[in-house]
């Protein structure tokens, strides 16, 4: 069982990890927090991707129906 003290130790050690690994740990923490609270807070990258998608939709830029059908069929 992980205690607050051991969790703090892990987080202190994680500060020495490469940025990609730190981001991955932060994403896991956001997912756990969302599960516990029922509220998911998007990362900056997710927020940017959603904004990009909305801007494309506003410009009428959508994926062709045959590409969507092909992707659905490959599942």
C-alpha atoms as a PDB file:
ATOM      1  CA  UNK A   1       0.000   0.000   0.000  1.00  0.00           C
ATOM      2  CA  UNK A   2       1.379   3.376  -0.985  1.00  0.00           C
ATOM      3  CA  UNK A   3       1.384   6.035   1.689  1.00  0.00           C
ATOM      4  CA  UNK A   4       1.515   9.783   1.217  1.00  0.00           C
ATOM      5  CA  UNK A   5       5.211   9.705   2.122  1.00  0.00           C
ATOM      6  CA  UNK A   6       6.060   7.053  -0.472  1.00  0.00           C
ATOM      7  CA  UNK A   7       3.918   8.820  -3.091  1.00  0.00           C
ATOM      8  CA  UNK A   8       5.837  12.043  -2.449  1.00  0.00           C
ATOM      9  CA  UNK A   9       9.073  10.095  -2.910  1.00  0.00           C
ATOM     10  CA  UNK A  10       7.927   8.741  -6.246  1.00  0.00           C
ATOM     11  CA  UNK A  11       6.911  12.214  -7.393  1.00  0.00           C
ATOM     12  CA  UNK A  12      10.245  13.679  -6.320  1.00  0.00           C
ATOM     13  CA  UNK A  13      12.049  10.979  -8.285  1.00  0.00           C
ATOM     14  CA  UNK A  14       9.728  11.502 -11.266  1.00  0.00           C
ATOM     15  CA  UNK A  15      10.975  15.096 -11.443  1.00  0.00           C
ATOM     16  CA  UNK A  16      14.264  13.652 -12.772  1.00  0.00           C
ATOM     17  CA  UNK A  17      12.560  11.715 -15.564  1.00  0.00           C
ATOM     18  CA  UNK A  18      12.507  12.848 -19.198  1.00  0.00           C
ATOM     19  CA  UNK A  19       9.702  15.298 -20.003  1.00  0.00           C
ATOM     20  CA  UNK A  20       7.819  12.686 -22.051  1.00  0.00           C
ATOM     21  CA  UNK A  21       7.650  10.357 -19.045  1.00  0.00           C
ATOM     22  CA  UNK A  22       6.588  13.192 -16.748  1.00  0.00           C
ATOM     23  CA  UNK A  23       3.800  14.084 -19.197  1.00  0.00           C
ATOM     24  CA  UNK A  24       2.693  10.449 -19.276  1.00  0.00           C
ATOM     25  CA  UNK A  25       2.516  10.343 -15.474  1.00  0.00           C
ATOM     26  CA  UNK A  26       0.529  13.586 -15.447  1.00  0.00           C
ATOM     27  CA  UNK A  27      -1.931  12.109 -17.978  1.00  0.00           C
ATOM     28  CA  UNK A  28      -2.462   9.040 -15.790  1.00  0.00           C
ATOM     29  CA  UNK A  29      -3.075  11.314 -12.809  1.00  0.00           C
ATOM     30  CA  UNK A  30      -5.644  13.354 -14.801  1.00  0.00           C
ATOM     31  CA  UNK A  31      -7.451  10.142 -15.751  1.00  0.00           C
ATOM     32  CA  UNK A  32      -7.542   8.933 -12.146  1.00  0.00           C
ATOM     33  CA  UNK A  33      -8.786  12.319 -10.952  1.00  0.00           C
ATOM     34  CA  UNK A  34     -11.482  12.305 -13.641  1.00  0.00           C
ATOM     35  CA  UNK A  35     -12.625   8.837 -12.588  1.00  0.00           C
ATOM     36  CA  UNK A  36     -12.783   9.900  -8.939  1.00  0.00           C
ATOM     37  CA  UNK A  37     -14.531  13.247  -9.514  1.00  0.00           C
ATOM     38  CA  UNK A  38     -16.447  12.681 -12.731  1.00  0.00           C
ATOM     39  CA  UNK A  39     -14.739  15.774 -14.190  1.00  0.00           C
ATOM     40  CA  UNK A  40     -12.040  15.448 -16.843  1.00  0.00           C
ATOM     41  CA  UNK A  41      -9.731  18.401 -17.396  1.00  0.00           C
ATOM     42  CA  UNK A  42      -8.138  18.432 -20.826  1.00  0.00           C
ATOM     43  CA  UNK A  43      -4.420  18.823 -21.260  1.00  0.00           C
ATOM     44  CA  UNK A  44      -3.109  21.747 -23.298  1.00  0.00           C
ATOM     45  CA  UNK A  45      -2.420  19.371 -26.205  1.00  0.00           C
ATOM     46  CA  UNK A  46      -5.967  17.994 -26.081  1.00  0.00           C
ATOM     47  CA  UNK A  47      -7.427  21.502 -25.900  1.00  0.00           C
ATOM     48  CA  UNK A  48      -5.352  22.538 -28.941  1.00  0.00           C
ATOM     49  CA  UNK A  49      -6.439  19.449 -30.901  1.00  0.00           C
ATOM     50  CA  UNK A  50     -10.116  20.091 -30.143  1.00  0.00           C
ATOM     51  CA  UNK A  51      -9.715  23.729 -31.169  1.00  0.00           C
ATOM     52  CA  UNK A  52      -8.070  22.660 -34.427  1.00  0.00           C
ATOM     53  CA  UNK A  53     -10.884  20.191 -35.144  1.00  0.00           C
ATOM     54  CA  UNK A  54     -13.572  22.782 -34.435  1.00  0.00           C
ATOM     55  CA  UNK A  55     -11.843  25.305 -36.703  1.00  0.00           C
ATOM     56  CA  UNK A  56     -11.685  22.712 -39.493  1.00  0.00           C
ATOM     57  CA  UNK A  57     -15.387  21.954 -39.038  1.00  0.00           C
ATOM     58  CA  UNK A  58     -16.197  25.678 -39.134  1.00  0.00           C
ATOM     59  CA  UNK A  59     -14.394  25.830 -42.489  1.00  0.00           C
ATOM     60  CA  UNK A  60     -16.378  22.827 -43.727  1.00  0.00           C
ATOM     61  CA  UNK A  61     -13.316  20.575 -43.766  1.00  0.00           C
ATOM     62  CA  UNK A  62     -14.490  17.050 -43.040  1.00  0.00           C
ATOM     63  CA  UNK A  63     -13.090  13.591 -43.707  1.00  0.00           C
ATOM     64  CA  UNK A  64     -14.602  12.033 -46.819  1.00  0.00           C
ATOM     65  CA  UNK A  65     -17.346   9.470 -46.185  1.00  0.00           C
ATOM     66  CA  UNK A  66     -15.410   6.692 -47.951  1.00  0.00           C
ATOM     67  CA  UNK A  67     -12.408   7.241 -45.650  1.00  0.00           C
ATOM     68  CA  UNK A  68     -14.661   7.018 -42.575  1.00  0.00           C
ATOM     69  CA  UNK A  69     -16.356   3.884 -43.944  1.00  0.00           C
ATOM     70  CA  UNK A  70     -12.964   2.278 -44.600  1.00  0.00           C
ATOM     71  CA  UNK A  71     -11.798   3.076 -41.074  1.00  0.00           C
ATOM     72  CA  UNK A  72     -15.004   1.651 -39.601  1.00  0.00           C
ATOM     73  CA  UNK A  73     -14.663  -1.503 -41.682  1.00  0.00           C
ATOM     74  CA  UNK A  74     -11.120  -2.103 -40.464  1.00  0.00           C
ATOM     75  CA  UNK A  75     -12.231  -2.399 -36.841  1.00  0.00           C
END
